[in-house]
Protein backbone atom coordinates (compact mmCIF):
# COMPACT_ATOMS: atom_id res chain seq x y z
CA MET A 1 13.58 -6.45 23.44
CA MET A 2 13.51 -5.46 19.76
CA THR A 3 16.06 -6.87 17.39
CA SER A 4 18.14 -4.66 15.15
CA THR A 5 16.34 -6.24 12.16
CA HIS A 6 12.99 -5.20 13.66
CA ASP A 7 14.35 -1.70 14.32
CA SER A 8 15.68 -1.32 10.78
CA LEU A 9 12.39 -2.57 9.34
CA GLN A 10 10.51 -0.01 11.41
CA GLU A 11 12.86 2.67 10.12
CA GLU A 12 12.13 1.63 6.52
CA ILE A 13 8.40 1.80 7.20
CA ARG A 14 8.76 5.25 8.77
CA LYS A 15 10.42 6.48 5.55
CA GLY A 16 7.40 5.40 3.53
CA GLY A 17 7.32 4.23 -0.05
CA GLN A 18 8.00 0.69 -1.16
CA VAL A 19 9.42 -1.67 1.46
CA GLN A 20 10.54 -5.28 1.18
CA ALA A 21 10.29 -7.96 3.84
CA ALA A 22 8.12 -10.90 4.80
CA GLU A 23 4.43 -10.14 5.31
CA ASP A 24 4.37 -11.06 9.01
CA ALA A 25 7.48 -8.99 9.75
CA LEU A 26 6.08 -5.95 7.95
CA ALA A 27 2.66 -6.20 9.58
CA GLY A 28 4.20 -6.65 13.03
CA ALA A 29 6.62 -3.75 12.65
CA ALA A 30 3.96 -1.42 11.24
CA GLY A 31 1.43 -2.40 13.88
CA ALA A 32 3.97 -1.74 16.64
CA LEU A 33 4.41 1.77 15.23
CA GLY A 34 0.66 2.41 15.25
CA TYR A 35 0.20 2.20 11.49
CA ALA A 36 -3.00 0.91 9.93
CA VAL A 37 -2.19 -2.30 8.05
CA PHE A 38 -4.22 -3.23 4.96
CA PRO A 39 -3.59 -6.66 3.41
CA VAL A 40 -4.68 -6.61 -0.25
CA ASP A 41 -5.36 -10.02 -1.81
CA CYS A 42 -4.55 -9.68 -5.52
CA ALA A 43 -4.29 -13.43 -6.23
CA ARG A 44 -7.38 -13.45 -8.46
CA ALA A 45 -6.68 -10.09 -10.08
CA LYS A 46 -5.87 -10.66 -13.74
CA SER A 47 -6.26 -7.06 -14.91
CA LYS A 48 -5.67 -3.48 -13.81
CA SER A 49 -9.33 -3.01 -12.91
CA ALA A 50 -9.31 -6.20 -10.83
CA VAL A 51 -6.24 -5.01 -8.89
CA LEU A 52 -7.89 -1.64 -8.29
CA ARG A 53 -11.06 -3.40 -7.05
CA ALA A 54 -8.96 -5.56 -4.70
CA ILE A 55 -7.30 -2.44 -3.27
CA ALA A 56 -10.63 -0.63 -2.97
CA THR A 57 -12.15 -3.58 -1.12
CA ALA A 58 -9.23 -4.01 1.28
CA VAL A 59 -9.00 -0.34 2.16
CA ASP A 60 -12.79 0.18 2.14
CA PHE A 61 -12.69 2.99 -0.39
CA PRO A 62 -15.95 4.93 -0.75
CA GLU A 63 -18.66 3.81 -3.15
CA PHE A 64 -17.77 6.64 -5.50
CA PHE A 65 -14.27 5.20 -6.13
CA GLY A 66 -13.79 5.73 -9.86
CA GLY A 67 -11.73 2.64 -10.60
CA ASN A 68 -8.88 4.45 -12.37
CA LEU A 69 -5.40 5.57 -11.33
CA ASP A 70 -6.47 9.14 -10.53
CA ALA A 71 -9.16 7.78 -8.22
CA LEU A 72 -6.62 5.39 -6.69
CA LEU A 73 -4.29 8.30 -5.93
CA ASP A 74 -7.11 10.38 -4.42
CA CYS A 75 -8.47 7.55 -2.28
CA LEU A 76 -5.04 6.34 -1.12
CA THR A 77 -4.02 9.79 0.02
CA ALA A 78 -7.37 10.48 1.71
CA THR A 79 -7.29 7.10 3.47
CA VAL A 80 -3.79 7.63 4.83
CA LEU A 81 -4.37 11.25 5.82
CA ASP A 82 -7.55 10.20 7.68
CA GLN A 83 -5.73 7.60 9.81
CA PRO A 84 -5.48 8.44 13.51
CA GLY A 85 -1.94 7.03 13.66
CA PRO A 86 1.19 8.02 11.75
CA GLY A 87 0.15 6.35 8.51
CA ALA A 88 -0.65 3.11 6.74
CA LEU A 89 1.00 0.04 5.25
CA LEU A 90 -0.58 -1.71 2.28
CA LEU A 91 0.50 -5.29 1.65
CA LEU A 92 -0.11 -6.04 -2.03
CA LYS A 93 -0.19 -9.83 -2.00
CA ASP A 94 0.17 -12.05 -5.05
CA ILE A 95 0.11 -9.44 -7.82
CA ASN A 96 0.78 -11.51 -10.92
CA GLY A 97 2.85 -9.36 -13.25
CA GLY A 98 2.89 -12.27 -15.70
CA GLU A 99 -0.77 -11.75 -16.58
CA PRO A 100 -0.82 -10.02 -20.01
CA ALA A 101 -3.82 -7.82 -19.15
CA LEU A 102 -2.08 -6.67 -15.96
CA ALA A 103 1.62 -6.59 -16.89
CA GLU A 104 1.35 -3.44 -19.00
CA HIS A 105 -0.32 -1.54 -16.12
CA LEU A 106 1.67 -2.76 -13.14
CA GLU A 107 4.35 -0.07 -13.38
CA ASP A 108 1.67 2.64 -13.52
CA ILE A 109 -0.06 1.19 -10.44
CA MET A 110 3.21 1.14 -8.51
CA THR A 111 4.02 4.69 -9.67
CA THR A 112 0.64 5.79 -8.32
CA PHE A 113 1.55 4.29 -4.94
CA ALA A 114 4.89 6.14 -5.02
CA ASP A 115 3.12 9.41 -5.87
CA ALA A 116 0.64 8.86 -3.03
CA ALA A 117 3.49 8.13 -0.60
CA GLU A 118 5.21 11.38 -1.57
CA TYR A 119 2.01 13.40 -1.22
CA VAL A 120 1.13 12.08 2.23
CA ARG A 121 4.75 12.52 3.38
CA ASP A 122 4.50 16.19 2.38
CA ASN A 123 1.37 16.35 4.55
CA GLY A 124 2.83 14.79 7.69
CA LYS A 125 1.79 11.13 7.27
CA VAL A 126 3.40 7.98 5.89
CA LEU A 127 2.30 5.51 3.24
CA ALA A 128 4.40 2.38 2.99
CA TYR A 129 3.57 -0.47 0.63
CA ALA A 130 4.98 -3.84 -0.31
CA ARG A 131 4.55 -6.22 -3.24
CA LEU A 132 4.46 -9.68 -1.72
């Protein structure tokens, strides 16, 4: 039997965009809905390019990934739209906004995720993401 917390978390994931909860709860709820779940380890990422590389590695972006925000948007949307299920959840773990080389770019990275979520929603899929 599902709990109301589990149900409400699944509803948040179905809406797409940024979600907040514990990693295990998010992964479990998304998996139960048939979403692809991509954990992204950003613990060592000290710059924008390092975060983009961590995302590209976790999601298995193509070799031609350009390593900039436009390429991130293109690859995120293509990845989600190519999923056989209803969408994808990316778990952005340990992004250190206190790193000077990363702090100034973090808002732009998160805006790119929001733009990708909106685009895939308009095309019948869901992108949910969480900063953990």
